[in-house]
Amino acid sequence: RKIKDLQVSITPNRAINEPVVPTWGIPTTEATGGRIYAHCQPDNVREFFQTLSGLIGNNYHGEAKPDESGLSTMTCTISKMEKLQSSQNAKSQQADYKFEVSVYASRVFNDEEQLAQFSKLQVKNAEIVEKLKKQQNESKDDDNDDAADADNAAHDNTKNKPIVLVVDTKRIEGDDLKFRKVQQKLFSDGAKIFNGLPAEVVRAYNLDKKYTLNDEGKVVDDKNKEVVSDLVEDKIAQLLEQDAQKEAAEDDEIDYDNINWDEDQ
């Protein structure tokens, strides 16, 4: 089924509100540990999870639950029949895989202004989540009105350029090696949402260029011109320097002379 059909098919089941998306912390680990990039409109991260829920339910006959506290995490459970042995006559048994899919705003591929605006939107989303929690015991009609208000608030700023997300998938249950294959198939089936970096970011960071090593061991482009700097590495170095300066400033504010080091002993 098409992605749009999946989005529609889950709408009557369980409402997914606009989540509260934190920013990834350490820039050097954004693309490690099996994490990938995706992008969407900053005011519609919910669509990512709606589509993911549809994929899990329709393609894998599984279950997907959004985080009850409103954070940008979904817990997914899928089952598949697997042969116990490699032989053709081997019996099959059900294998269950449980995992979490979380998204974070990228520090590397979003600029400071984007992150500032996105952070403001997350404050608004958090307020909406708290409001909906307080009204859970009210009538169903009122809940629907509140959900509509939340929708309107989340879509106040629809003309922003895409926000780049770090997608982090954590296995909870199931064989680790086999889960990696399940994960790759999920990424392939859900290519509409696991969509990598937006084209403008790819161009801005020269990620569309192919670099090779020449005979002298220098990194060169397709015209054999030496690549002097890597824009992604430069951005990461800049972020690490900012983090170091912030940590140093916080450290300077601590009055070590007046700390009672024996207090906890």
Protein backbone atom coordinates (compact mmCIF):
# COMPACT_ATOMS: atom_id res chain seq x y z
CA ARG A 1 0.00 0.00 0.00
CA LYS A 2 1.05 3.55 -0.60
CA ILE A 3 2.43 5.73 2.22
CA LYS A 4 -0.59 8.07 2.08
CA ASP A 5 -2.91 5.09 2.51
CA LEU A 6 -0.91 4.05 5.57
CA GLN A 7 -1.24 7.49 7.10
CA VAL A 8 -5.00 7.51 6.61
CA SER A 9 -5.46 3.94 7.79
CA ILE A 10 -4.16 4.65 11.29
CA THR A 11 -6.02 7.91 11.84
CA PRO A 12 -9.12 6.38 13.48
CA ASN A 13 -7.08 4.20 15.84
CA ARG A 14 -4.89 6.15 18.22
CA ALA A 15 -4.34 9.88 18.02
CA ILE A 16 -0.71 10.96 17.65
CA ASN A 17 -0.10 14.51 18.80
CA GLU A 18 2.78 16.71 17.71
CA PRO A 19 5.72 15.35 19.79
CA VAL A 20 8.27 17.28 21.80
CA VAL A 21 11.58 16.84 19.95
CA PRO A 22 14.87 17.37 21.83
CA THR A 23 18.14 18.35 20.15
CA TRP A 24 20.87 15.74 19.78
CA GLY A 25 23.72 16.39 22.19
CA ILE A 26 27.13 15.31 20.90
CA PRO A 27 27.64 16.26 17.23
CA THR A 28 30.26 13.57 16.56
CA THR A 29 27.75 10.77 17.32
CA GLU A 30 24.83 11.89 15.14
CA ALA A 31 25.64 9.43 12.35
CA THR A 32 27.18 6.60 14.41
CA GLY A 33 25.61 3.56 16.04
CA GLY A 34 23.26 2.88 13.13
CA ARG A 35 21.63 6.31 13.32
CA ILE A 36 20.41 7.89 10.11
CA TYR A 37 19.15 11.29 9.02
CA ALA A 38 15.66 12.26 7.94
CA HIS A 39 13.89 15.53 7.31
CA CYS A 40 10.38 16.93 7.51
CA GLN A 41 8.55 20.18 8.08
CA PRO A 42 9.40 21.50 11.57
CA ASP A 43 5.74 21.86 12.51
CA ASN A 44 4.75 18.37 11.37
CA VAL A 45 7.08 15.82 12.95
CA ARG A 46 3.90 13.99 13.91
CA GLU A 47 3.54 12.85 10.28
CA PHE A 48 6.79 10.89 10.64
CA PHE A 49 5.31 8.88 13.51
CA GLN A 50 1.90 8.52 11.88
CA THR A 51 3.51 7.00 8.80
CA LEU A 52 5.81 4.81 10.92
CA SER A 53 2.80 3.52 12.84
CA GLY A 54 1.05 2.72 9.57
CA LEU A 55 4.09 0.85 8.27
CA ILE A 56 4.38 -1.25 11.41
CA GLY A 57 0.67 -2.05 11.48
CA ASN A 58 0.04 -2.68 7.79
CA ASN A 59 3.33 -4.03 6.43
CA TYR A 60 4.41 -6.02 9.49
CA HIS A 61 1.10 -6.63 11.33
CA GLY A 62 2.76 -5.19 14.40
CA GLU A 63 2.04 -2.57 17.02
CA ALA A 64 3.39 0.96 17.42
CA LYS A 65 2.83 3.03 20.54
CA PRO A 66 3.74 6.72 20.83
CA ASP A 67 5.47 7.88 23.99
CA GLU A 68 2.84 8.64 26.64
CA SER A 69 4.78 11.60 27.99
CA GLY A 70 4.73 13.31 24.58
CA LEU A 71 8.40 12.83 23.67
CA SER A 72 9.45 12.01 20.10
CA THR A 73 9.72 8.26 20.64
CA MET A 74 7.62 5.35 19.39
CA THR A 75 7.88 1.79 20.73
CA CYS A 76 7.33 -0.78 17.98
CA THR A 77 6.74 -4.52 18.16
CA ILE A 78 6.69 -6.80 15.13
CA SER A 79 6.59 -10.58 14.73
CA LYS A 80 7.81 -12.73 11.87
CA MET A 81 8.11 -16.45 11.20
CA GLU A 82 11.70 -17.66 11.00
CA LYS A 83 13.17 -21.10 10.31
CA LEU A 84 15.09 -22.67 13.16
CA GLN A 85 17.65 -24.12 10.73
CA SER A 86 18.84 -23.36 7.24
CA SER A 87 17.48 -26.60 5.76
CA GLN A 88 14.40 -26.49 3.57
CA ASN A 89 12.38 -28.80 5.85
CA ALA A 90 13.23 -26.94 9.05
CA LYS A 91 10.36 -25.89 11.28
CA SER A 92 9.46 -22.23 11.63
CA GLN A 93 8.75 -20.36 14.81
CA GLN A 94 7.59 -16.85 15.62
CA ALA A 95 10.32 -14.32 16.37
CA ASP A 96 9.38 -11.09 18.12
CA TYR A 97 11.28 -7.85 17.74
CA LYS A 98 10.67 -4.87 19.99
CA PHE A 99 12.44 -1.58 19.44
CA GLU A 100 12.23 2.17 19.93
CA VAL A 101 12.45 4.78 17.19
CA SER A 102 13.31 8.27 18.42
CA VAL A 103 14.05 11.49 16.55
CA TYR A 104 16.18 14.46 17.55
CA ALA A 105 16.98 17.76 15.91
CA SER A 106 20.43 17.64 14.30
CA ARG A 107 22.98 20.18 15.51
CA VAL A 108 25.22 19.56 12.51
CA PHE A 109 22.79 20.13 9.65
CA ASN A 110 20.41 22.70 11.15
CA ASP A 111 21.67 26.26 11.58
CA GLU A 112 21.35 28.18 14.85
CA GLU A 113 18.32 30.16 13.71
CA GLN A 114 16.51 26.97 12.69
CA LEU A 115 17.23 25.34 16.03
CA ALA A 116 16.14 28.44 17.94
CA GLN A 117 12.80 28.56 16.10
CA PHE A 118 12.38 24.80 16.43
CA SER A 119 13.05 24.99 20.18
CA LYS A 120 10.31 27.59 20.56
CA LEU A 121 7.93 25.28 18.74
CA GLN A 122 8.88 22.45 21.13
CA VAL A 123 7.97 24.63 24.11
CA LYS A 124 4.56 25.18 22.54
CA ASN A 125 4.20 21.45 21.86
CA ALA A 126 5.08 20.67 25.47
CA GLU A 127 2.40 23.09 26.67
CA ILE A 128 -0.15 21.39 24.42
CA VAL A 129 0.85 17.96 25.74
CA GLU A 130 0.36 19.14 29.33
CA LYS A 131 -3.00 20.68 28.44
CA LEU A 132 -4.22 17.45 26.85
CA LYS A 133 -3.05 15.42 29.84
CA LYS A 134 -5.09 17.59 32.22
CA GLN A 135 -8.19 17.17 30.10
CA GLN A 136 -8.05 13.39 29.68
CA ASN A 137 -10.97 12.92 32.07
CA GLU A 138 -13.25 15.35 30.27
CA SER A 139 -15.82 14.47 27.59
CA LYS A 140 -14.76 12.93 24.28
CA ASP A 141 -16.08 15.92 22.34
CA ASP A 142 -13.93 18.27 24.37
CA ASP A 143 -10.90 16.07 23.73
CA ASN A 144 -11.53 16.26 20.00
CA ASP A 145 -11.77 20.05 20.20
CA ASP A 146 -8.48 20.18 22.07
CA ALA A 147 -6.83 17.92 19.50
CA ALA A 148 -8.02 20.28 16.77
CA ASP A 149 -6.62 23.26 18.69
CA ALA A 150 -3.32 21.41 19.00
CA ASP A 151 -3.32 20.78 15.25
CA ASN A 152 -3.86 24.47 14.53
CA ALA A 153 -1.14 25.54 16.94
CA ALA A 154 1.34 23.06 15.50
CA HIS A 155 0.79 24.32 11.95
CA ASP A 156 1.22 28.03 12.66
CA ASN A 157 4.58 28.10 10.91
CA THR A 158 4.26 25.96 7.79
CA LYS A 159 6.63 27.93 5.55
CA ASN A 160 9.83 27.00 7.38
CA LYS A 161 12.51 25.00 5.56
CA PRO A 162 12.77 21.34 6.56
CA ILE A 163 14.24 20.43 9.91
CA VAL A 164 16.92 17.72 9.80
CA LEU A 165 16.33 14.91 12.29
CA VAL A 166 18.64 12.30 13.76
CA VAL A 167 16.75 8.97 13.76
CA ASP A 168 17.89 6.68 16.57
CA THR A 169 16.66 3.06 16.59
CA LYS A 170 17.24 1.00 19.75
CA ARG A 171 16.57 -2.73 19.93
CA ILE A 172 14.76 -3.83 23.10
CA GLU A 173 13.98 -7.48 22.36
CA GLY A 174 14.99 -9.94 19.63
CA ASP A 175 18.19 -11.29 18.10
CA ASP A 176 20.57 -8.40 17.45
CA LEU A 177 21.98 -9.63 14.13
CA LYS A 178 18.57 -10.51 12.68
CA PHE A 179 17.12 -7.24 13.93
CA ARG A 180 19.62 -5.33 11.78
CA LYS A 181 18.09 -6.96 8.72
CA VAL A 182 14.60 -6.08 9.95
CA GLN A 183 15.78 -2.52 10.53
CA GLN A 184 17.19 -2.17 7.02
CA LYS A 185 13.95 -3.50 5.50
CA LEU A 186 11.98 -1.01 7.60
CA PHE A 187 14.18 1.83 6.34
CA SER A 188 13.63 0.64 2.78
CA ASP A 189 9.86 0.22 3.11
CA GLY A 190 9.62 3.59 4.84
CA ALA A 191 11.87 5.51 2.45
CA LYS A 192 9.25 8.29 2.35
CA ILE A 193 10.04 9.20 5.99
CA PHE A 194 13.55 7.72 6.35
CA ASN A 195 14.48 10.16 3.61
CA GLY A 196 18.00 11.31 4.51
CA LEU A 197 19.16 14.90 4.19
CA PRO A 198 17.18 17.45 2.15
CA ALA A 199 18.63 18.34 -1.25
CA GLU A 200 19.56 21.87 -0.20
CA VAL A 201 21.63 20.56 2.72
CA VAL A 202 23.37 18.02 0.50
CA ARG A 203 24.37 20.82 -1.88
CA ALA A 204 25.34 23.26 0.89
CA TYR A 205 27.78 20.75 2.43
CA ASN A 206 29.07 19.45 -0.92
CA LEU A 207 27.81 15.98 -0.06
CA ASP A 208 26.84 15.42 -3.67
CA LYS A 209 30.51 15.57 -4.67
CA LYS A 210 32.59 12.40 -5.04
CA TYR A 211 36.04 12.54 -3.48
CA THR A 212 38.92 10.11 -4.00
CA LEU A 213 42.56 9.73 -2.98
CA ASN A 214 45.10 10.51 -5.69
CA ASP A 215 48.54 8.91 -6.10
CA GLU A 216 50.02 11.35 -3.57
CA GLY A 217 47.45 10.39 -0.92
CA LYS A 218 45.58 13.71 -1.18
CA VAL A 219 41.80 13.93 -1.19
CA VAL A 220 40.67 15.28 -4.56
CA ASP A 221 37.37 15.93 -6.32
CA ASP A 222 36.25 14.55 -9.68
CA LYS A 223 38.44 17.19 -11.41
CA ASN A 224 41.52 16.06 -9.47
CA LYS A 225 41.52 19.27 -7.42
CA GLU A 226 42.56 18.91 -3.80
CA VAL A 227 39.78 19.24 -1.25
CA VAL A 228 41.13 21.74 1.25
CA SER A 229 38.45 21.36 3.93
CA ASP A 230 35.43 19.23 4.73
CA LEU A 231 32.42 21.39 5.55
CA VAL A 232 30.82 18.77 7.79
CA GLU A 233 34.01 18.26 9.79
CA ASP A 234 34.42 22.03 10.08
CA LYS A 235 30.88 22.36 11.45
CA ILE A 236 31.42 19.57 13.97
CA ALA A 237 34.70 21.15 15.10
CA GLN A 238 32.91 24.47 15.55
CA LEU A 239 30.17 22.83 17.66
CA LEU A 240 32.72 21.00 19.81
CA GLU A 241 34.53 24.29 20.43
CA GLN A 242 31.24 25.91 21.47
CA ASP A 243 30.54 23.02 23.85
CA ALA A 244 34.02 23.31 25.36
CA GLN A 245 33.62 27.05 25.89
CA LYS A 246 30.20 26.55 27.49
CA GLU A 247 31.55 23.86 29.80
CA ALA A 248 34.50 26.08 30.76
CA ALA A 249 32.16 28.99 31.52
CA GLU A 250 29.97 26.78 33.72
CA ASP A 251 33.07 25.48 35.46
CA ASP A 252 34.25 29.04 36.19
CA GLU A 253 30.97 29.76 37.98
CA ILE A 254 31.62 27.01 40.53
CA ASP A 255 33.15 28.27 43.77
CA TYR A 256 35.50 25.39 44.50
CA ASP A 257 37.01 27.13 47.52
CA ASN A 258 33.72 26.96 49.41
CA ILE A 259 32.81 23.37 48.55
CA ASN A 260 32.76 20.98 51.49
CA TRP A 261 34.45 17.98 49.88
CA ASP A 262 33.87 15.83 53.00
CA GLU A 263 30.10 16.42 52.98
CA ASP A 264 29.22 13.10 51.33
CA GLN A 265 31.72 11.04 53.28
